PDB file of N, CA and C in Angstrom:
ATOM      1  N   MET A   1       0.809  -1.155  -0.006  1.00  0.00           N
ATOM      2  CA  MET A   1       0.002  -0.002   0.013  1.00  0.00           C
ATOM      3  C   MET A   1       0.887   1.243   0.020  1.00  0.00           C
ATOM      4  N   PRO A   2       0.526   2.205  -0.846  1.00  0.00           N
ATOM      5  CA  PRO A   2       1.369   3.423  -0.912  1.00  0.00           C
ATOM      6  C   PRO A   2       1.269   4.292   0.365  1.00  0.00           C
ATOM      7  N   ARG A   3       2.353   5.002   0.645  1.00  0.00           N
ATOM      8  CA  ARG A   3       2.428   5.881   1.818  1.00  0.00           C
ATOM      9  C   ARG A   3       2.704   7.316   1.381  1.00  0.00           C
ATOM     10  N   ASN A   4       2.425   8.237   2.338  1.00  0.00           N
ATOM     11  CA  ASN A   4       2.757   9.634   2.035  1.00  0.00           C
ATOM     12  C   ASN A   4       4.216   9.779   1.637  1.00  0.00           C
ATOM     13  N   GLY A   5       4.440  10.653   0.659  1.00  0.00           N
ATOM     14  CA  GLY A   5       5.818  10.870   0.174  1.00  0.00           C
ATOM     15  C   GLY A   5       6.195  10.015  -1.028  1.00  0.00           C
ATOM     16  N   GLU A   6       5.429   8.970  -1.304  1.00  0.00           N
ATOM     17  CA  GLU A   6       5.707   8.088  -2.434  1.00  0.00           C
ATOM     18  C   GLU A   6       4.972   8.685  -3.679  1.00  0.00           C
ATOM     19  N   ILE A   7       5.515   8.330  -4.880  1.00  0.00           N
ATOM     20  CA  ILE A   7       4.931   8.793  -6.125  1.00  0.00           C
ATOM     21  C   ILE A   7       3.843   7.789  -6.560  1.00  0.00           C
ATOM     22  N   ASN A   8       2.674   8.339  -6.896  1.00  0.00           N
ATOM     23  CA  ASN A   8       1.541   7.493  -7.304  1.00  0.00           C
ATOM     24  C   ASN A   8       1.815   6.917  -8.708  1.00  0.00           C
ATOM     25  N   GLN A   9       1.569   5.654  -8.893  1.00  0.00           N
ATOM     26  CA  GLN A   9       1.758   4.985 -10.164  1.00  0.00           C
ATOM     27  C   GLN A   9       0.463   4.793 -10.963  1.00  0.00           C
ATOM     28  N   VAL A  10      -0.694   4.819 -10.237  1.00  0.00           N
ATOM     29  CA  VAL A  10      -1.962   4.566 -10.884  1.00  0.00           C
ATOM     30  C   VAL A  10      -3.016   5.604 -10.476  1.00  0.00           C
ATOM     31  N   PHE A  11      -3.564   6.355 -11.450  1.00  0.00           N
ATOM     32  CA  PHE A  11      -4.622   7.301 -11.186  1.00  0.00           C
ATOM     33  C   PHE A  11      -5.728   6.636 -10.430  1.00  0.00           C
ATOM     34  N   GLY A  12      -6.299   7.268  -9.393  1.00  0.00           N
ATOM     35  CA  GLY A  12      -7.428   6.652  -8.716  1.00  0.00           C
ATOM     36  C   GLY A  12      -7.925   7.457  -7.537  1.00  0.00           C
ATOM     37  N   VAL A  13      -8.976   6.916  -6.949  1.00  0.00           N
ATOM     38  CA  VAL A  13      -9.533   7.482  -5.733  1.00  0.00           C
ATOM     39  C   VAL A  13      -8.933   6.660  -4.572  1.00  0.00           C
ATOM     40  N   TYR A  14      -8.318   7.387  -3.632  1.00  0.00           N
ATOM     41  CA  TYR A  14      -7.641   6.760  -2.555  1.00  0.00           C
ATOM     42  C   TYR A  14      -8.215   7.136  -1.205  1.00  0.00           C
ATOM     43  N   LYS A  15      -8.175   6.202  -0.260  1.00  0.00           N
ATOM     44  CA  LYS A  15      -8.711   6.417   1.070  1.00  0.00           C
ATOM     45  C   LYS A  15      -7.591   6.205   2.093  1.00  0.00           C
ATOM     46  N   SER A  16      -7.491   7.171   3.047  1.00  0.00           N
ATOM     47  CA  SER A  16      -6.438   6.991   4.073  1.00  0.00           C
ATOM     48  C   SER A  16      -6.929   5.943   5.083  1.00  0.00           C
ATOM     49  N   LEU A  17      -6.011   5.109   5.519  1.00  0.00           N
ATOM     50  CA  LEU A  17      -6.351   4.058   6.477  1.00  0.00           C
ATOM     51  C   LEU A  17      -6.561   4.608   7.868  1.00  0.00           C
ATOM     52  N   CYS A  18      -5.958   5.755   8.189  1.00  0.00           N
ATOM     53  CA  CYS A  18      -6.037   6.299   9.561  1.00  0.00           C
ATOM     54  C   CYS A  18      -7.437   6.839   9.869  1.00  0.00           C
ATOM     55  N   CYS A  19      -8.005   7.594   8.977  1.00  0.00           N
ATOM     56  CA  CYS A  19      -9.300   8.240   9.278  1.00  0.00           C
ATOM     57  C   CYS A  19     -10.329   8.163   8.188  1.00  0.00           C
ATOM     58  N   GLY A  20      -9.995   7.545   7.063  1.00  0.00           N
ATOM     59  CA  GLY A  20     -10.981   7.328   6.009  1.00  0.00           C
ATOM     60  C   GLY A  20     -11.147   8.520   5.034  1.00  0.00           C
ATOM     61  N   ALA A  21     -10.253   9.495   5.068  1.00  0.00           N
ATOM     62  CA  ALA A  21     -10.356  10.615   4.125  1.00  0.00           C
ATOM     63  C   ALA A  21     -10.169  10.086   2.716  1.00  0.00           C
ATOM     64  N   GLU A  22     -10.962  10.581   1.759  1.00  0.00           N
ATOM     65  CA  GLU A  22     -10.890  10.170   0.401  1.00  0.00           C
ATOM     66  C   GLU A  22     -10.437  11.311  -0.510  1.00  0.00           C
ATOM     67  N   ILE A  23      -9.479  11.005  -1.399  1.00  0.00           N
ATOM     68  CA  ILE A  23      -8.999  11.998  -2.367  1.00  0.00           C
ATOM     69  C   ILE A  23      -8.686  11.327  -3.690  1.00  0.00           C
ATOM     70  N   VAL A  24      -8.681  12.134  -4.748  1.00  0.00           N
ATOM     71  CA  VAL A  24      -8.287  11.685  -6.052  1.00  0.00           C
ATOM     72  C   VAL A  24      -6.807  12.048  -6.231  1.00  0.00           C
ATOM     73  N   ILE A  25      -6.040  11.092  -6.635  1.00  0.00           N
ATOM     74  CA  ILE A  25      -4.606  11.310  -6.828  1.00  0.00           C
ATOM     75  C   ILE A  25      -4.244  10.921  -8.236  1.00  0.00           C
ATOM     76  N   PRO A  26      -3.822  11.855  -9.053  1.00  0.00           N
ATOM     77  CA  PRO A  26      -3.370  11.526 -10.414  1.00  0.00           C
ATOM     78  C   PRO A  26      -2.058  10.733 -10.423  1.00  0.00           C
ATOM     79  N   GLU A  27      -1.804  10.159 -11.562  1.00  0.00           N
ATOM     80  CA  GLU A  27      -0.545   9.394 -11.748  1.00  0.00           C
ATOM     81  C   GLU A  27       0.652  10.383 -11.691  1.00  0.00           C
ATOM     82  N   ASN A  28       1.761   9.949 -11.166  1.00  0.00           N
ATOM     83  CA  ASN A  28       3.007  10.738 -11.022  1.00  0.00           C
ATOM     84  C   ASN A  28       2.922  11.873 -10.051  1.00  0.00           C
ATOM     85  N   VAL A  29       1.960  11.838  -9.122  1.00  0.00           N
ATOM     86  CA  VAL A  29       1.839  12.855  -8.068  1.00  0.00           C
ATOM     87  C   VAL A  29       2.161  12.219  -6.719  1.00  0.00           C
ATOM     88  N   THR A  30       2.808  12.959  -5.852  1.00  0.00           N
ATOM     89  CA  THR A  30       3.227  12.473  -4.560  1.00  0.00           C
ATOM     90  C   THR A  30       2.028  12.295  -3.618  1.00  0.00           C
ATOM     91  N   PHE A  31       1.950  11.157  -2.947  1.00  0.00           N
ATOM     92  CA  PHE A  31       0.891  10.965  -1.962  1.00  0.00           C
ATOM     93  C   PHE A  31       1.097  11.911  -0.808  1.00  0.00           C
ATOM     94  N   PRO A  32       0.013  12.609  -0.366  1.00  0.00           N
ATOM     95  CA  PRO A  32       0.164  13.603   0.672  1.00  0.00           C
ATOM     96  C   PRO A  32       0.068  13.007   2.070  1.00  0.00           C
ATOM     97  N   ASN A  33       0.346  13.841   3.080  1.00  0.00           N
ATOM     98  CA  ASN A  33       0.062  13.464   4.455  1.00  0.00           C
ATOM     99  C   ASN A  33      -1.434  13.556   4.671  1.00  0.00           C
ATOM    100  N   CYS A  34      -1.904  12.856   5.690  1.00  0.00           N
ATOM    101  CA  CYS A  34      -3.313  12.989   6.060  1.00  0.00           C
ATOM    102  C   CYS A  34      -3.481  14.390   6.662  1.00  0.00           C
ATOM    103  N   GLY A  35      -4.588  15.037   6.338  1.00  0.00           N
ATOM    104  CA  GLY A  35      -4.804  16.382   6.850  1.00  0.00           C
ATOM    105  C   GLY A  35      -5.009  16.453   8.351  1.00  0.00           C
ATOM    106  N   LEU A  36      -5.437  15.312   8.968  1.00  0.00           N
ATOM    107  CA  LEU A  36      -5.654  15.289  10.413  1.00  0.00           C
ATOM    108  C   LEU A  36      -4.479  14.733  11.203  1.00  0.00           C
ATOM    109  N   HIS A  37      -3.647  13.969  10.494  1.00  0.00           N
ATOM    110  CA  HIS A  37      -2.499  13.305  11.154  1.00  0.00           C
ATOM    111  C   HIS A  37      -1.204  13.669  10.412  1.00  0.00           C
ATOM    112  N   VAL A  38      -0.873  14.942  10.390  1.00  0.00           N
ATOM    113  CA  VAL A  38       0.219  15.436   9.579  1.00  0.00           C
ATOM    114  C   VAL A  38       1.584  14.846   9.932  1.00  0.00           C
ATOM    115  N   ASN A  39       1.852  14.621  11.152  1.00  0.00           N
ATOM    116  CA  ASN A  39       3.172  14.156  11.559  1.00  0.00           C
ATOM    117  C   ASN A  39       3.274  12.619  11.673  1.00  0.00           C
ATOM    118  N   LEU A  40       2.298  11.904  11.187  1.00  0.00           N
ATOM    119  CA  LEU A  40       2.329  10.437  11.227  1.00  0.00           C
ATOM    120  C   LEU A  40       2.362   9.864   9.814  1.00  0.00           C
ATOM    121  N   PRO A  41       2.878   8.636   9.659  1.00  0.00           N
ATOM    122  CA  PRO A  41       2.848   7.999   8.309  1.00  0.00           C
ATOM    123  C   PRO A  41       1.395   7.793   7.907  1.00  0.00           C
ATOM    124  N   THR A  42       1.107   7.985   6.639  1.00  0.00           N
ATOM    125  CA  THR A  42      -0.254   7.787   6.099  1.00  0.00           C
ATOM    126  C   THR A  42      -0.202   6.762   5.015  1.00  0.00           C
ATOM    127  N   GLU A  43      -1.007   5.724   5.108  1.00  0.00           N
ATOM    128  CA  GLU A  43      -1.160   4.731   4.076  1.00  0.00           C
ATOM    129  C   GLU A  43      -2.425   5.007   3.311  1.00  0.00           C
ATOM    130  N   TRP A  44      -2.351   4.892   1.974  1.00  0.00           N
ATOM    131  CA  TRP A  44      -3.489   5.174   1.102  1.00  0.00           C
ATOM    132  C   TRP A  44      -3.912   3.910   0.375  1.00  0.00           C
ATOM    133  N   LYS A  45      -5.194   3.604   0.385  1.00  0.00           N
ATOM    134  CA  LYS A  45      -5.752   2.422  -0.294  1.00  0.00           C
ATOM    135  C   LYS A  45      -6.542   2.881  -1.490  1.00  0.00           C
ATOM    136  N   ASN A  46      -6.288   2.277  -2.643  1.00  0.00           N
ATOM    137  CA  ASN A  46      -7.027   2.586  -3.871  1.00  0.00           C
ATOM    138  C   ASN A  46      -8.412   1.957  -3.711  1.00  0.00           C
ATOM    139  N   ILE A  47      -9.463   2.800  -3.759  1.00  0.00           N
ATOM    140  CA  ILE A  47     -10.804   2.275  -3.575  1.00  0.00           C
ATOM    141  C   ILE A  47     -11.600   2.259  -4.861  1.00  0.00           C
ATOM    142  N   ALA A  48     -11.027   2.689  -5.942  1.00  0.00           N
ATOM    143  CA  ALA A  48     -11.717   2.704  -7.252  1.00  0.00           C
ATOM    144  C   ALA A  48     -10.867   1.962  -8.269  1.00  0.00           C
ATOM    145  N   LYS A  49     -10.881   0.676  -8.157  1.00  0.00           N
ATOM    146  CA  LYS A  49     -10.066  -0.133  -9.061  1.00  0.00           C
ATOM    147  C   LYS A  49     -10.899  -0.388 -10.330  1.00  0.00           C
ATOM    148  N   ALA A  50     -10.718   0.514 -11.295  1.00  0.00           N
ATOM    149  CA  ALA A  50     -11.459   0.378 -12.553  1.00  0.00           C
ATOM    150  C   ALA A  50     -10.501   0.648 -13.687  1.00  0.00           C
ATOM    151  N   GLU A  51     -10.795   0.062 -14.836  1.00  0.00           N
ATOM    152  CA  GLU A  51      -9.989   0.293 -16.003  1.00  0.00           C
ATOM    153  C   GLU A  51     -10.149   1.757 -16.443  1.00  0.00           C
ATOM    154  N   HIS A  52     -11.401   2.228 -16.322  1.00  0.00           N
ATOM    155  CA  HIS A  52     -11.683   3.609 -16.803  1.00  0.00           C
ATOM    156  C   HIS A  52     -12.548   4.299 -15.756  1.00  0.00           C
ATOM    157  N   ILE A  53     -12.098   5.444 -15.301  1.00  0.00           N
ATOM    158  CA  ILE A  53     -12.919   6.284 -14.409  1.00  0.00           C
ATOM    159  C   ILE A  53     -13.517   7.327 -15.273  1.00  0.00           C
ATOM    160  N   PRO A  54     -14.865   7.410 -15.351  1.00  0.00           N
ATOM    161  CA  PRO A  54     -15.496   8.337 -16.273  1.00  0.00           C
ATOM    162  C   PRO A  54     -15.254   9.791 -15.885  1.00  0.00           C
ATOM    163  N   GLN A  55     -15.232  10.663 -16.894  1.00  0.00           N
ATOM    164  CA  GLN A  55     -15.096  12.084 -16.673  1.00  0.00           C
ATOM    165  C   GLN A  55     -16.533  12.674 -16.607  1.00  0.00           C
ATOM    166  N   VAL A  56     -16.648  13.880 -16.080  1.00  0.00           N
ATOM    167  CA  VAL A  56     -17.945  14.508 -15.885  1.00  0.00           C
ATOM    168  C   VAL A  56     -18.763  14.537 -17.170  1.00  0.00           C
ATOM    169  N   ASN A  57     -18.124  14.934 -18.295  1.00  0.00           N
ATOM    170  CA  ASN A  57     -18.898  15.068 -19.530  1.00  0.00           C
ATOM    171  C   ASN A  57     -19.460  13.704 -19.999  1.00  0.00           C
ATOM    172  N   GLU A  58     -18.817  12.606 -19.667  1.00  0.00           N
ATOM    173  CA  GLU A  58     -19.349  11.306 -19.967  1.00  0.00           C
ATOM    174  C   GLU A  58     -20.577  10.955 -19.130  1.00  0.00           C
ATOM    175  N   LEU A  59     -20.570  11.364 -17.869  1.00  0.00           N
ATOM    176  CA  LEU A  59     -21.693  11.122 -16.989  1.00  0.00           C
ATOM    177  C   LEU A  59     -22.894  11.940 -17.378  1.00  0.00           C
ATOM    178  N   ILE A  60     -22.701  13.178 -17.798  1.00  0.00           N
ATOM    179  CA  ILE A  60     -23.807  14.035 -18.176  1.00  0.00           C
ATOM    180  C   ILE A  60     -24.569  13.413 -19.387  1.00  0.00           C
ATOM    181  N   GLY A  61     -23.871  12.898 -20.347  1.00  0.00           N
ATOM    182  CA  GLY A  61     -24.500  12.266 -21.484  1.00  0.00           C
ATOM    183  C   GLY A  61     -25.328  11.059 -21.086  1.00  0.00           C
ATOM    184  N   LYS A  62     -24.893  10.252 -20.170  1.00  0.00           N
ATOM    185  CA  LYS A  62     -25.640   9.102 -19.711  1.00  0.00           C
ATOM    186  C   LYS A  62     -26.874   9.536 -18.957  1.00  0.00           C
ATOM    187  N   LYS A  63     -26.794  10.590 -18.164  1.00  0.00           N
ATOM    188  CA  LYS A  63     -27.916  11.031 -17.374  1.00  0.00           C
ATOM    189  C   LYS A  63     -29.028  11.553 -18.326  1.00  0.00           C
ATOM    190  N   GLU A  64     -28.690  12.270 -19.341  1.00  0.00           N
ATOM    191  CA  GLU A  64     -29.671  12.827 -20.263  1.00  0.00           C
ATOM    192  C   GLU A  64     -30.328  11.675 -21.054  1.00  0.00           C
ATOM    193  N   ASN A  65     -29.562  10.667 -21.458  1.00  0.00           N
ATOM    194  CA  ASN A  65     -30.154   9.524 -22.164  1.00  0.00           C
ATOM    195  C   ASN A  65     -31.098   8.729 -21.287  1.00  0.00           C
ATOM    196  N   SER A  66     -30.780   8.571 -20.017  1.00  0.00           N
ATOM    197  CA  SER A  66     -31.643   7.790 -19.149  1.00  0.00           C
ATOM    198  C   SER A  66     -32.946   8.534 -18.855  1.00  0.00           C
ATOM    199  N   ARG A  67     -32.921   9.857 -18.874  1.00  0.00           N
ATOM    200  CA  ARG A  67     -34.168  10.630 -18.650  1.00  0.00           C
ATOM    201  C   ARG A  67     -35.147  10.443 -19.814  1.00  0.00           C
ATOM    202  N   LYS A  68     -34.617  10.350 -21.010  1.00  0.00           N
ATOM    203  CA  LYS A  68     -35.511  10.250 -22.192  1.00  0.00           C
ATOM    204  C   LYS A  68     -36.237   8.897 -22.216  1.00  0.00           C
ATOM    205  N   GLY A  69     -35.550   7.854 -21.802  1.00  0.00           N
ATOM    206  CA  GLY A  69     -36.136   6.515 -21.905  1.00  0.00           C
ATOM    207  C   GLY A  69     -36.921   6.043 -20.685  1.00  0.00           C
ATOM    208  N   ASN A  70     -36.751   6.654 -19.546  1.00  0.00           N
ATOM    209  CA  ASN A  70     -37.422   6.196 -18.327  1.00  0.00           C
ATOM    210  C   ASN A  70     -38.126   7.359 -17.638  1.00  0.00           C
ATOM    211  N   PRO A  71     -39.427   7.558 -17.960  1.00  0.00           N
ATOM    212  CA  PRO A  71     -40.136   8.649 -17.239  1.00  0.00           C
ATOM    213  C   PRO A  71     -40.297   8.287 -15.776  1.00  0.00           C
ATOM    214  N   ALA A  72     -40.296   9.322 -14.942  1.00  0.00           N
ATOM    215  CA  ALA A  72     -40.372   9.120 -13.475  1.00  0.00           C
ATOM    216  C   ALA A  72     -41.748   8.624 -13.034  1.00  0.00           C
ATOM    217  N   ALA A  73     -42.805   9.064 -13.653  1.00  0.00           N
ATOM    218  CA  ALA A  73     -44.147   8.624 -13.225  1.00  0.00           C
ATOM    219  C   ALA A  73     -45.037   8.326 -14.374  1.00  0.00           C
TER     220      ALA A  73
END
């Protein structure tokens, strides 16, 4: 598991093991310290293990399509 100060190898959403803080860390960016436990080692767990993490514009298109085909009432 990666720790603060290490370089991230895989883009993803990571969760700190100490307090459960979640952040997005791009590839080739240094893992940060936990905001609540600055002077302690922080381990980060990748919680979004996916081949592709959608971007906002991809999600907007899906939402509009689902509205057209499925009326609420």
